[in-house]
Amino acid sequence: MRTTNQKIGDYLYIVIGSMLAGFGIAAFTTPGKIAGGGVNGIAIILYHTLGLEPGLSMLLMNIPIFIVGLRVFGPKYGFKSLLGMLLLSASVSATGKLIGYGGIIAYTDSVDILLSALFGGIFIGAGIGLVMRSGANTGGTDIISQVLNKYTSIPLGTCLLLVDGLVIITSAFFFGIERAMFAIITVYSSSQMVNYVIMVIGTRYAKTVYLFSEHLEDIKEMIINELHHGGTIFSGMGIYSKQERKMLMAVIPNQQISRLTTMVHKTDPKAFMIVEEAYQVLGEGFTPMAKIAARVEEPAPLAPRSRTRSAAQVTPIPRHKSHRKH
């Protein structure tokens, strides 16, 4: 059961997210003639060809799409998604009336269009990401893609690419190839921003570390006793030496990576250490899993998966009562 504060937070995400995305559409992509896919891309084409107000045309297109989503998928497209759709259209219209659809950039050369493509994508992506963090969406071609995916064998990602790609190709006929290329930049920057807002903001930054050493036991003890983290030791075999080797894997916060590197070097200068980004870490000592799971009120049940044993033997590091584990 979600608390009152969590519900209030969801609606704040929807309001702020809709305002950010609406500003990006009205202030950057519409004046720049950058139709980066989706319903807002179609609205931009209609504005520059027929003079239709973008916010209104987005609303008129989204209403039947939303109804189709309700009929096909049921109440998963609930009140919050309807609110997100309405607020986004209202935000585009309000921003357009405040600053006009001429934009806030002079548009004297391609650099100005590039800035609009980048900043439009950033604002739109940040806004949509906040809305999605609440468990809602803003309607549009995402629903069309999900319907296509349901009734065809085309993967959802391919459906999204086809629908958005069709909008971008259409924009090339009206605004030229150069604007269509800038639209691709907008799509990319917005998708990266959506991922960042959903997966990174509000979580602890950390890295996954893989260690190979002849002194793995000593390093293990330092990770437990000095860094206060756990890990897992895997058994394997070197493909060149054909010798049994052990590898330690641990998730370490960014601020402790330098300290770990120094400790490993002092213990075993010949150690082999791989460090890579941990995109998101959920669990004790990091971001609580409940914090992420609570963003969606009724998550879809997971499909049952068959369990298979790993070929490698796994030896967990013993946990100390006062230490964090993962």
C-alpha atoms as a PDB file:
ATOM      1  CA  MET A   1       0.000   0.000   0.000  1.00  0.00           C
ATOM      2  CA  ARG A   2       1.385   3.343  -1.051  1.00  0.00           C
ATOM      3  CA  THR A   3       1.590   6.105   1.540  1.00  0.00           C
ATOM      4  CA  THR A   4       0.058   9.554   1.122  1.00  0.00           C
ATOM      5  CA  ASN A   5       3.516  11.101   0.683  1.00  0.00           C
ATOM      6  CA  GLN A   6       4.345   8.626  -2.093  1.00  0.00           C
ATOM      7  CA  LYS A   7       1.098   9.427  -3.898  1.00  0.00           C
ATOM      8  CA  ILE A   8       1.741  13.165  -3.563  1.00  0.00           C
ATOM      9  CA  GLY A   9       5.256  12.589  -4.904  1.00  0.00           C
ATOM     10  CA  ASP A  10       3.850  10.752  -7.931  1.00  0.00           C
ATOM     11  CA  TYR A  11       1.581  13.661  -8.831  1.00  0.00           C
ATOM     12  CA  LEU A  12       4.412  16.152  -8.333  1.00  0.00           C
ATOM     13  CA  TYR A  13       6.506  14.091 -10.761  1.00  0.00           C
ATOM     14  CA  ILE A  14       3.663  14.206 -13.293  1.00  0.00           C
ATOM     15  CA  VAL A  15       3.139  17.968 -12.956  1.00  0.00           C
ATOM     16  CA  ILE A  16       6.837  18.918 -13.052  1.00  0.00           C
ATOM     17  CA  GLY A  17       7.604  16.371 -15.771  1.00  0.00           C
ATOM     18  CA  SER A  18       4.774  17.597 -17.985  1.00  0.00           C
ATOM     19  CA  MET A  19       5.940  21.197 -17.569  1.00  0.00           C
ATOM     20  CA  LEU A  20       9.537  20.324 -18.507  1.00  0.00           C
ATOM     21  CA  ALA A  21       8.528  18.273 -21.543  1.00  0.00           C
ATOM     22  CA  GLY A  22       6.031  20.916 -22.652  1.00  0.00           C
ATOM     23  CA  PHE A  23       8.697  23.609 -22.397  1.00  0.00           C
ATOM     24  CA  GLY A  24      11.101  21.521 -24.476  1.00  0.00           C
ATOM     25  CA  ILE A  25       8.506  21.017 -27.205  1.00  0.00           C
ATOM     26  CA  ALA A  26       7.260  24.629 -27.308  1.00  0.00           C
ATOM     27  CA  ALA A  27      10.577  26.453 -26.822  1.00  0.00           C
ATOM     28  CA  PHE A  28      12.969  24.251 -28.805  1.00  0.00           C
ATOM     29  CA  THR A  29      11.658  21.523 -31.109  1.00  0.00           C
ATOM     30  CA  THR A  30       8.588  23.340 -32.469  1.00  0.00           C
ATOM     31  CA  PRO A  31      10.371  26.565 -33.511  1.00  0.00           C
ATOM     32  CA  GLY A  32      13.331  24.530 -34.744  1.00  0.00           C
ATOM     33  CA  LYS A  33      11.085  22.357 -36.970  1.00  0.00           C
ATOM     34  CA  ILE A  34      12.525  19.272 -35.280  1.00  0.00           C
ATOM     35  CA  ALA A  35       9.900  16.518 -35.418  1.00  0.00           C
ATOM     36  CA  GLY A  36      11.621  13.872 -33.333  1.00  0.00           C
ATOM     37  CA  GLY A  37       8.972  11.180 -33.540  1.00  0.00           C
ATOM     38  CA  GLY A  38       5.859  10.661 -31.479  1.00  0.00           C
ATOM     39  CA  VAL A  39       2.649  12.637 -31.316  1.00  0.00           C
ATOM     40  CA  ASN A  40       4.583  15.821 -30.563  1.00  0.00           C
ATOM     41  CA  GLY A  41       6.527  15.314 -33.810  1.00  0.00           C
ATOM     42  CA  ILE A  42       3.285  15.016 -35.770  1.00  0.00           C
ATOM     43  CA  ALA A  43       1.981  18.132 -33.983  1.00  0.00           C
ATOM     44  CA  ILE A  44       5.098  20.059 -35.034  1.00  0.00           C
ATOM     45  CA  ILE A  45       4.563  19.056 -38.674  1.00  0.00           C
ATOM     46  CA  LEU A  46       0.894  20.096 -38.491  1.00  0.00           C
ATOM     47  CA  TYR A  47       1.817  23.440 -36.911  1.00  0.00           C
ATOM     48  CA  HIS A  48       4.274  24.413 -39.647  1.00  0.00           C
ATOM     49  CA  THR A  49       2.125  23.098 -42.524  1.00  0.00           C
ATOM     50  CA  LEU A  50      -1.464  23.796 -41.445  1.00  0.00           C
ATOM     51  CA  GLY A  51      -1.000  26.284 -38.606  1.00  0.00           C
ATOM     52  CA  LEU A  52      -2.634  24.040 -35.984  1.00  0.00           C
ATOM     53  CA  GLU A  53      -1.686  24.905 -32.406  1.00  0.00           C
ATOM     54  CA  PRO A  54       0.672  22.096 -31.196  1.00  0.00           C
ATOM     55  CA  GLY A  55      -0.821  21.620 -27.729  1.00  0.00           C
ATOM     56  CA  LEU A  56      -4.348  21.308 -29.099  1.00  0.00           C
ATOM     57  CA  SER A  57      -3.385  18.955 -31.925  1.00  0.00           C
ATOM     58  CA  MET A  58      -1.464  16.748 -29.458  1.00  0.00           C
ATOM     59  CA  LEU A  59      -4.568  16.524 -27.276  1.00  0.00           C
ATOM     60  CA  LEU A  60      -6.849  15.723 -30.229  1.00  0.00           C
ATOM     61  CA  MET A  61      -4.513  12.939 -31.371  1.00  0.00           C
ATOM     62  CA  ASN A  62      -3.885  11.548 -27.898  1.00  0.00           C
ATOM     63  CA  ILE A  63      -7.538  11.164 -26.873  1.00  0.00           C
ATOM     64  CA  PRO A  64      -8.429   8.441 -29.437  1.00  0.00           C
ATOM     65  CA  ILE A  65      -5.038   6.786 -28.913  1.00  0.00           C
ATOM     66  CA  PHE A  66      -5.664   6.692 -25.167  1.00  0.00           C
ATOM     67  CA  ILE A  67      -9.135   5.201 -25.703  1.00  0.00           C
ATOM     68  CA  VAL A  68      -7.607   2.475 -27.884  1.00  0.00           C
ATOM     69  CA  GLY A  69      -5.097   1.773 -25.122  1.00  0.00           C
ATOM     70  CA  LEU A  70      -7.912   1.430 -22.589  1.00  0.00           C
ATOM     71  CA  ARG A  71      -9.861  -0.957 -24.827  1.00  0.00           C
ATOM     72  CA  VAL A  72      -6.867  -3.126 -25.679  1.00  0.00           C
ATOM     73  CA  PHE A  73      -4.965  -3.162 -22.388  1.00  0.00           C
ATOM     74  CA  GLY A  74      -7.626  -2.259 -19.843  1.00  0.00           C
ATOM     75  CA  PRO A  75      -7.129   0.025 -16.841  1.00  0.00           C
ATOM     76  CA  LYS A  76      -3.297  -0.082 -16.905  1.00  0.00           C
ATOM     77  CA  TYR A  77      -3.663   3.296 -18.631  1.00  0.00           C
ATOM     78  CA  GLY A  78      -5.365   4.834 -15.619  1.00  0.00           C
ATOM     79  CA  PHE A  79      -5.982   8.259 -14.159  1.00  0.00           C
ATOM     80  CA  LYS A  80      -2.310   9.200 -13.755  1.00  0.00           C
ATOM     81  CA  SER A  81      -1.582   8.545 -17.423  1.00  0.00           C
ATOM     82  CA  LEU A  82      -4.650  10.535 -18.445  1.00  0.00           C
ATOM     83  CA  LEU A  83      -3.450  13.374 -16.211  1.00  0.00           C
ATOM     84  CA  GLY A  84       0.027  13.231 -17.749  1.00  0.00           C
ATOM     85  CA  MET A  85      -1.422  13.381 -21.255  1.00  0.00           C
ATOM     86  CA  LEU A  86      -3.660  16.376 -20.435  1.00  0.00           C
ATOM     87  CA  LEU A  87      -0.958  18.286 -18.549  1.00  0.00           C
ATOM     88  CA  LEU A  88       1.594  17.813 -21.342  1.00  0.00           C
ATOM     89  CA  SER A  89      -0.776  19.272 -23.926  1.00  0.00           C
ATOM     90  CA  ALA A  90      -1.687  22.128 -21.568  1.00  0.00           C
ATOM     91  CA  SER A  91       1.986  22.816 -20.845  1.00  0.00           C
ATOM     92  CA  VAL A  92       2.826  23.048 -24.554  1.00  0.00           C
ATOM     93  CA  SER A  93      -0.043  25.482 -25.140  1.00  0.00           C
ATOM     94  CA  ALA A  94       0.770  27.576 -22.059  1.00  0.00           C
ATOM     95  CA  THR A  95       4.461  27.842 -22.969  1.00  0.00           C
ATOM     96  CA  GLY A  96       3.546  28.733 -26.546  1.00  0.00           C
ATOM     97  CA  LYS A  97       1.316  31.576 -25.342  1.00  0.00           C
ATOM     98  CA  LEU A  98       3.926  32.877 -22.899  1.00  0.00           C
ATOM     99  CA  ILE A  99       6.965  32.953 -25.186  1.00  0.00           C
ATOM    100  CA  GLY A 100       5.435  32.255 -28.588  1.00  0.00           C
ATOM    101  CA  TYR A 101       6.416  29.458 -30.948  1.00  0.00           C
ATOM    102  CA  GLY A 102       9.266  31.499 -32.388  1.00  0.00           C
ATOM    103  CA  GLY A 103      11.568  30.023 -29.784  1.00  0.00           C
ATOM    104  CA  ILE A 104      14.269  31.524 -27.602  1.00  0.00           C
ATOM    105  CA  ILE A 105      17.068  31.077 -30.170  1.00  0.00           C
ATOM    106  CA  ALA A 106      17.675  33.255 -33.231  1.00  0.00           C
ATOM    107  CA  TYR A 107      18.013  30.298 -35.686  1.00  0.00           C
ATOM    108  CA  THR A 108      20.546  32.042 -37.903  1.00  0.00           C
ATOM    109  CA  ASP A 109      22.580  28.912 -38.685  1.00  0.00           C
ATOM    110  CA  SER A 110      22.819  25.152 -38.154  1.00  0.00           C
ATOM    111  CA  VAL A 111      24.426  25.608 -34.728  1.00  0.00           C
ATOM    112  CA  ASP A 112      21.189  27.142 -33.447  1.00  0.00           C
ATOM    113  CA  ILE A 113      19.204  24.184 -34.777  1.00  0.00           C
ATOM    114  CA  LEU A 114      21.668  21.791 -33.150  1.00  0.00           C
ATOM    115  CA  LEU A 115      21.212  23.565 -29.815  1.00  0.00           C
ATOM    116  CA  SER A 116      17.446  23.229 -30.167  1.00  0.00           C
ATOM    117  CA  ALA A 117      17.770  19.530 -30.980  1.00  0.00           C
ATOM    118  CA  LEU A 118      19.973  18.881 -27.951  1.00  0.00           C
ATOM    119  CA  PHE A 119      18.186  21.025 -25.385  1.00  0.00           C
ATOM    120  CA  GLY A 120      14.775  20.025 -26.693  1.00  0.00           C
ATOM    121  CA  GLY A 121      15.736  16.382 -26.219  1.00  0.00           C
ATOM    122  CA  ILE A 122      17.096  17.073 -22.735  1.00  0.00           C
ATOM    123  CA  PHE A 123      13.962  18.873 -21.531  1.00  0.00           C
ATOM    124  CA  ILE A 124      11.583  16.391 -23.165  1.00  0.00           C
ATOM    125  CA  GLY A 125      13.534  13.392 -21.859  1.00  0.00           C
ATOM    126  CA  ALA A 126      13.773  14.801 -18.336  1.00  0.00           C
ATOM    127  CA  GLY A 127      10.048  15.514 -18.299  1.00  0.00           C
ATOM    128  CA  ILE A 128       8.963  12.161 -19.693  1.00  0.00           C
ATOM    129  CA  GLY A 129      11.371  10.429 -17.312  1.00  0.00           C
ATOM    130  CA  LEU A 130       9.773  12.123 -14.298  1.00  0.00           C
ATOM    131  CA  VAL A 131       6.296  11.182 -15.503  1.00  0.00           C
ATOM    132  CA  MET A 132       7.390   7.573 -15.985  1.00  0.00           C
ATOM    133  CA  ARG A 133       8.947   7.492 -12.507  1.00  0.00           C
ATOM    134  CA  SER A 134       5.419   7.985 -11.170  1.00  0.00           C
ATOM    135  CA  GLY A 135       4.244   4.883 -13.044  1.00  0.00           C
ATOM    136  CA  ALA A 136       2.352   6.955 -15.625  1.00  0.00           C
ATOM    137  CA  ASN A 137       2.920   7.909 -19.264  1.00  0.00           C
ATOM    138  CA  THR A 138       1.883  10.702 -21.601  1.00  0.00           C
ATOM    139  CA  GLY A 139       0.141   8.571 -24.204  1.00  0.00           C
ATOM    140  CA  GLY A 140       1.192   9.049 -27.808  1.00  0.00           C
ATOM    141  CA  THR A 141       2.901   6.635 -30.149  1.00  0.00           C
ATOM    142  CA  ASP A 142       4.089   4.434 -27.279  1.00  0.00           C
ATOM    143  CA  ILE A 143       0.530   3.109 -27.043  1.00  0.00           C
ATOM    144  CA  ILE A 144       0.374   2.603 -30.822  1.00  0.00           C
ATOM    145  CA  SER A 145       3.613   0.622 -30.651  1.00  0.00           C
ATOM    146  CA  GLN A 146       2.272  -1.535 -27.817  1.00  0.00           C
ATOM    147  CA  VAL A 147      -0.886  -2.283 -29.818  1.00  0.00           C
ATOM    148  CA  LEU A 148       1.203  -3.269 -32.858  1.00  0.00           C
ATOM    149  CA  ASN A 149       3.344  -5.469 -30.640  1.00  0.00           C
ATOM    150  CA  LYS A 150       0.258  -7.173 -29.181  1.00  0.00           C
ATOM    151  CA  TYR A 151      -1.290  -8.088 -32.532  1.00  0.00           C
ATOM    152  CA  THR A 152       1.864  -8.777 -34.551  1.00  0.00           C
ATOM    153  CA  SER A 153       5.103 -10.669 -34.021  1.00  0.00           C
ATOM    154  CA  ILE A 154       7.123  -7.437 -34.210  1.00  0.00           C
ATOM    155  CA  PRO A 155       9.156  -6.751 -31.027  1.00  0.00           C
ATOM    156  CA  LEU A 156       8.129  -3.672 -29.036  1.00  0.00           C
ATOM    157  CA  GLY A 157      11.468  -1.922 -29.589  1.00  0.00           C
ATOM    158  CA  THR A 158      11.111  -2.410 -33.344  1.00  0.00           C
ATOM    159  CA  CYS A 159       7.537  -1.087 -33.232  1.00  0.00           C
ATOM    160  CA  LEU A 160       8.710   2.059 -31.449  1.00  0.00           C
ATOM    161  CA  LEU A 161      11.493   2.505 -34.005  1.00  0.00           C
ATOM    162  CA  LEU A 162       9.094   2.037 -36.922  1.00  0.00           C
ATOM    163  CA  VAL A 163       6.501   4.505 -35.626  1.00  0.00           C
ATOM    164  CA  ASP A 164       8.995   7.206 -34.642  1.00  0.00           C
ATOM    165  CA  GLY A 165      11.037   6.577 -37.788  1.00  0.00           C
ATOM    166  CA  LEU A 166       7.955   7.117 -39.937  1.00  0.00           C
ATOM    167  CA  VAL A 167       7.366  10.500 -38.280  1.00  0.00           C
ATOM    168  CA  ILE A 168      10.998  11.540 -38.815  1.00  0.00           C
ATOM    169  CA  ILE A 169      10.924  10.431 -42.467  1.00  0.00           C
ATOM    170  CA  THR A 170       7.697  12.389 -42.979  1.00  0.00           C
ATOM    171  CA  SER A 171       9.338  15.467 -41.464  1.00  0.00           C
ATOM    172  CA  ALA A 172      12.143  15.166 -44.027  1.00  0.00           C
ATOM    173  CA  PHE A 173       9.621  15.759 -46.837  1.00  0.00           C
ATOM    174  CA  PHE A 174       8.358  18.960 -45.203  1.00  0.00           C
ATOM    175  CA  PHE A 175      11.459  20.376 -43.506  1.00  0.00           C
ATOM    176  CA  GLY A 176      14.346  18.781 -45.396  1.00  0.00           C
ATOM    177  CA  ILE A 177      16.903  16.058 -44.670  1.00  0.00           C
ATOM    178  CA  GLU A 178      18.963  18.293 -42.375  1.00  0.00           C
ATOM    179  CA  ARG A 179      16.066  18.834 -39.956  1.00  0.00           C
ATOM    180  CA  ALA A 180      15.297  15.113 -39.979  1.00  0.00           C
ATOM    181  CA  MET A 181      18.909  14.402 -39.012  1.00  0.00           C
ATOM    182  CA  PHE A 182      18.627  16.882 -36.152  1.00  0.00           C
ATOM    183  CA  ALA A 183      15.418  15.106 -35.120  1.00  0.00           C
ATOM    184  CA  ILE A 184      17.409  11.891 -34.692  1.00  0.00           C
ATOM    185  CA  ILE A 185      19.699  13.775 -32.298  1.00  0.00           C
ATOM    186  CA  THR A 186      16.640  14.871 -30.332  1.00  0.00           C
ATOM    187  CA  VAL A 187      15.333  11.300 -30.122  1.00  0.00           C
ATOM    188  CA  TYR A 188      18.709  10.037 -28.920  1.00  0.00           C
ATOM    189  CA  SER A 189      19.267  12.779 -26.338  1.00  0.00           C
ATOM    190  CA  SER A 190      15.730  12.451 -24.974  1.00  0.00           C
ATOM    191  CA  SER A 191      16.009   8.660 -24.657  1.00  0.00           C
ATOM    192  CA  GLN A 192      19.301   8.996 -22.786  1.00  0.00           C
ATOM    193  CA  MET A 193      17.755  11.576 -20.473  1.00  0.00           C
ATOM    194  CA  VAL A 194      14.743   9.349 -19.806  1.00  0.00           C
ATOM    195  CA  ASN A 195      17.061   6.498 -18.823  1.00  0.00           C
ATOM    196  CA  TYR A 196      19.108   8.797 -16.606  1.00  0.00           C
ATOM    197  CA  VAL A 197      16.091  10.201 -14.768  1.00  0.00           C
ATOM    198  CA  ILE A 198      14.464   6.805 -14.246  1.00  0.00           C
ATOM    199  CA  MET A 199      17.517   4.712 -13.397  1.00  0.00           C
ATOM    200  CA  VAL A 200      20.147   7.027 -11.936  1.00  0.00           C
ATOM    201  CA  ILE A 201      18.624  10.023 -10.151  1.00  0.00           C
ATOM    202  CA  GLY A 202      17.905   9.157  -6.542  1.00  0.00           C
ATOM    203  CA  THR A 203      20.164   6.102  -6.533  1.00  0.00           C
ATOM    204  CA  ARG A 204      23.684   5.667  -5.217  1.00  0.00           C
ATOM    205  CA  TYR A 205      26.440   5.616  -7.788  1.00  0.00           C
ATOM    206  CA  ALA A 206      28.540   2.475  -7.646  1.00  0.00           C
ATOM    207  CA  LYS A 207      30.847   0.328  -9.728  1.00  0.00           C
ATOM    208  CA  THR A 208      31.154  -3.409 -10.182  1.00  0.00           C
ATOM    209  CA  VAL A 209      34.668  -4.673  -9.481  1.00  0.00           C
ATOM    210  CA  TYR A 210      36.131  -7.984 -10.694  1.00  0.00           C
ATOM    211  CA  LEU A 211      39.384  -9.044  -9.032  1.00  0.00           C
ATOM    212  CA  PHE A 212      41.896 -11.769  -9.895  1.00  0.00           C
ATOM    213  CA  SER A 213      44.744 -12.214  -7.447  1.00  0.00           C
ATOM    214  CA  GLU A 214      46.953 -14.775  -5.737  1.00  0.00           C
ATOM    215  CA  HIS A 215      46.030 -13.005  -2.481  1.00  0.00           C
ATOM    216  CA  LEU A 216      42.275 -13.003  -2.935  1.00  0.00           C
ATOM    217  CA  GLU A 217      41.586 -14.013   0.674  1.00  0.00           C
ATOM    218  CA  ASP A 218      43.488 -10.984   1.990  1.00  0.00           C
ATOM    219  CA  ILE A 219      41.646  -8.667  -0.384  1.00  0.00           C
ATOM    220  CA  LYS A 220      38.339 -10.241   0.612  1.00  0.00           C
ATOM    221  CA  GLU A 221      39.009  -9.514   4.284  1.00  0.00           C
ATOM    222  CA  MET A 222      39.868  -5.876   3.514  1.00  0.00           C
ATOM    223  CA  ILE A 223      36.636  -5.402   1.563  1.00  0.00           C
ATOM    224  CA  ILE A 224      34.664  -6.800   4.500  1.00  0.00           C
ATOM    225  CA  ASN A 225      36.515  -5.160   7.379  1.00  0.00           C
ATOM    226  CA  GLU A 226      37.657  -1.827   5.919  1.00  0.00           C
ATOM    227  CA  LEU A 227      35.142  -1.003   3.188  1.00  0.00           C
ATOM    228  CA  HIS A 228      32.251  -2.756   4.949  1.00  0.00           C
ATOM    229  CA  HIS A 229      30.923  -4.465   1.856  1.00  0.00           C
ATOM    230  CA  GLY A 230      30.424  -8.032   0.761  1.00  0.00           C
ATOM    231  CA  GLY A 231      30.909  -9.819  -2.509  1.00  0.00           C
ATOM    232  CA  THR A 232      30.987 -13.188  -4.235  1.00  0.00           C
ATOM    233  CA  ILE A 233      33.885 -15.454  -5.181  1.00  0.00           C
ATOM    234  CA  PHE A 234      33.547 -17.439  -8.413  1.00  0.00           C
ATOM    235  CA  SER A 235      35.614 -20.470  -9.392  1.00  0.00           C
ATOM    236  CA  GLY A 236      36.776 -20.789 -12.981  1.00  0.00           C
ATOM    237  CA  MET A 237      39.657 -21.749 -15.240  1.00  0.00           C
ATOM    238  CA  GLY A 238      42.113 -19.643 -17.226  1.00  0.00           C
ATOM    239  CA  ILE A 239      41.707 -20.420 -20.936  1.00  0.00           C
ATOM    240  CA  TYR A 240      45.431 -19.983 -21.595  1.00  0.00           C
ATOM    241  CA  SER A 241      47.004 -21.412 -18.430  1.00  0.00           C
ATOM    242  CA  LYS A 242      44.328 -24.118 -17.989  1.00  0.00           C
ATOM    243  CA  GLN A 243      44.703 -23.535 -14.248  1.00  0.00           C
ATOM    244  CA  GLU A 244      41.953 -23.165 -11.665  1.00  0.00           C
ATOM    245  CA  ARG A 245      41.436 -19.502 -10.783  1.00  0.00           C
ATOM    246  CA  LYS A 246      39.129 -17.635  -8.446  1.00  0.00           C
ATOM    247  CA  MET A 247      37.512 -14.284  -9.163  1.00  0.00           C
ATOM    248  CA  LEU A 248      36.021 -11.899  -6.611  1.00  0.00           C
ATOM    249  CA  MET A 249      33.097  -9.724  -7.658  1.00  0.00           C
ATOM    250  CA  ALA A 250      31.949  -6.825  -5.479  1.00  0.00           C
ATOM    251  CA  VAL A 251      29.823  -3.698  -5.887  1.00  0.00           C
ATOM    252  CA  ILE A 252      31.648  -0.702  -4.430  1.00  0.00           C
ATOM    253  CA  PRO A 253      30.433   2.938  -4.146  1.00  0.00           C
ATOM    254  CA  ASN A 254      32.351   5.362  -6.363  1.00  0.00           C
ATOM    255  CA  GLN A 255      33.895   7.218  -3.442  1.00  0.00           C
ATOM    256  CA  GLN A 256      35.582   4.001  -2.256  1.00  0.00           C
ATOM    257  CA  ILE A 257      37.037   2.868  -5.584  1.00  0.00           C
ATOM    258  CA  SER A 258      40.320   4.773  -5.178  1.00  0.00           C
ATOM    259  CA  ARG A 259      40.772   3.375  -1.685  1.00  0.00           C
ATOM    260  CA  LEU A 260      40.095  -0.161  -2.923  1.00  0.00           C
ATOM    261  CA  THR A 261      42.595   0.262  -5.767  1.00  0.00           C
ATOM    262  CA  THR A 262      45.286   1.388  -3.317  1.00  0.00           C
ATOM    263  CA  MET A 263      44.542  -1.520  -0.986  1.00  0.00           C
ATOM    264  CA  VAL A 264      44.691  -4.055  -3.811  1.00  0.00           C
ATOM    265  CA  HIS A 265      47.950  -2.635  -5.174  1.00  0.00           C
ATOM    266  CA  LYS A 266      49.625  -2.765  -1.755  1.00  0.00           C
ATOM    267  CA  THR A 267      48.432  -6.332  -1.191  1.00  0.00           C
ATOM    268  CA  ASP A 268      49.212  -7.690  -4.652  1.00  0.00           C
ATOM    269  CA  PRO A 269      50.887  -5.427  -7.259  1.00  0.00           C
ATOM    270  CA  LYS A 270      50.300  -8.177  -9.852  1.00  0.00           C
ATOM    271  CA  ALA A 271      46.544  -8.317  -9.258  1.00  0.00           C
ATOM    272  CA  PHE A 272      44.211  -7.976 -12.245  1.00  0.00           C
ATOM    273  CA  MET A 273      41.263  -5.660 -11.589  1.00  0.00           C
ATOM    274  CA  ILE A 274      38.308  -4.771 -13.822  1.00  0.00           C
ATOM    275  CA  VAL A 275      36.057  -1.838 -12.894  1.00  0.00           C
ATOM    276  CA  GLU A 276      32.810  -1.113 -14.723  1.00  0.00           C
ATOM    277  CA  GLU A 277      29.732   1.029 -14.133  1.00  0.00           C
ATOM    278  CA  ALA A 278      26.913  -0.521 -12.125  1.00  0.00           C
ATOM    279  CA  TYR A 279      23.914   1.113 -13.796  1.00  0.00           C
ATOM    280  CA  GLN A 280      21.688   0.567 -10.801  1.00  0.00           C
ATOM    281  CA  VAL A 281      22.263  -1.207  -7.485  1.00  0.00           C
ATOM    282  CA  LEU A 282      19.274  -2.266  -5.408  1.00  0.00           C
ATOM    283  CA  GLY A 283      19.468  -3.815  -1.973  1.00  0.00           C
ATOM    284  CA  GLU A 284      20.916  -3.367   1.493  1.00  0.00           C
ATOM    285  CA  GLY A 285      23.673  -0.773   1.639  1.00  0.00           C
ATOM    286  CA  PHE A 286      22.525   0.865  -1.598  1.00  0.00           C
ATOM    287  CA  THR A 287      19.124   1.945  -2.947  1.00  0.00           C
ATOM    288  CA  PRO A 288      16.293   0.028  -1.211  1.00  0.00           C
ATOM    289  CA  MET A 289      14.460  -2.136  -3.727  1.00  0.00           C
ATOM    290  CA  ALA A 290      11.132  -1.052  -2.226  1.00  0.00           C
ATOM    291  CA  LYS A 291      11.895   2.552  -3.223  1.00  0.00           C
ATOM    292  CA  ILE A 292      11.960   1.594  -6.911  1.00  0.00           C
ATOM    293  CA  ALA A 293       9.177  -0.995  -6.768  1.00  0.00           C
ATOM    294  CA  ALA A 294       6.827   1.454  -5.034  1.00  0.00           C
ATOM    295  CA  ARG A 295       6.794   3.744  -8.079  1.00  0.00           C
ATOM    296  CA  VAL A 296       4.422   1.368  -9.868  1.00  0.00           C
ATOM    297  CA  GLU A 297       1.247   0.641  -7.950  1.00  0.00           C
ATOM    298  CA  GLU A 298       0.304  -2.591  -9.720  1.00  0.00           C
ATOM    299  CA  PRO A 299       3.311  -4.091 -11.506  1.00  0.00           C
ATOM    300  CA  ALA A 300       2.644  -6.815 -14.020  1.00  0.00           C
ATOM    301  CA  PRO A 301       3.409 -10.315 -12.708  1.00  0.00           C
ATOM    302  CA  LEU A 302       6.676 -11.770 -13.862  1.00  0.00           C
ATOM    303  CA  ALA A 303       6.489 -14.692 -16.232  1.00  0.00           C
ATOM    304  CA  PRO A 304       7.840 -17.919 -14.707  1.00  0.00           C
ATOM    305  CA  ARG A 305      11.388 -18.649 -15.763  1.00  0.00           C
ATOM    306  CA  SER A 306      13.160 -21.964 -15.767  1.00  0.00           C
ATOM    307  CA  ARG A 307      16.128 -22.143 -13.444  1.00  0.00           C
ATOM    308  CA  THR A 308      19.418 -23.607 -14.595  1.00  0.00           C
ATOM    309  CA  ARG A 309      22.573 -24.184 -12.640  1.00  0.00           C
ATOM    310  CA  SER A 310      25.575 -22.072 -13.556  1.00  0.00           C
ATOM    311  CA  ALA A 311      28.575 -23.935 -14.923  1.00  0.00           C
ATOM    312  CA  ALA A 312      30.815 -22.093 -12.479  1.00  0.00           C
ATOM    313  CA  GLN A 313      30.819 -22.833  -8.774  1.00  0.00           C
ATOM    314  CA  VAL A 314      29.894 -19.843  -6.632  1.00  0.00           C
ATOM    315  CA  THR A 315      31.264 -19.314  -3.144  1.00  0.00           C
ATOM    316  CA  PRO A 316      29.592 -16.443  -1.260  1.00  0.00           C
ATOM    317  CA  ILE A 317      31.753 -14.331   1.030  1.00  0.00           C
ATOM    318  CA  PRO A 318      30.643 -14.847   4.655  1.00  0.00           C
ATOM    319  CA  ARG A 319      28.664 -11.885   5.937  1.00  0.00           C
ATOM    320  CA  HIS A 320      29.632 -10.028   9.079  1.00  0.00           C
ATOM    321  CA  LYS A 321      26.679  -8.906  11.177  1.00  0.00           C
ATOM    322  CA  SER A 322      27.777  -5.275  11.270  1.00  0.00           C
ATOM    323  CA  HIS A 323      28.620  -5.082   7.579  1.00  0.00           C
ATOM    324  CA  ARG A 324      26.529  -4.285   4.570  1.00  0.00           C
ATOM    325  CA  LYS A 325      25.832  -7.013   2.119  1.00  0.00           C
ATOM    326  CA  HIS A 326      24.607  -7.244  -1.437  1.00  0.00           C
END
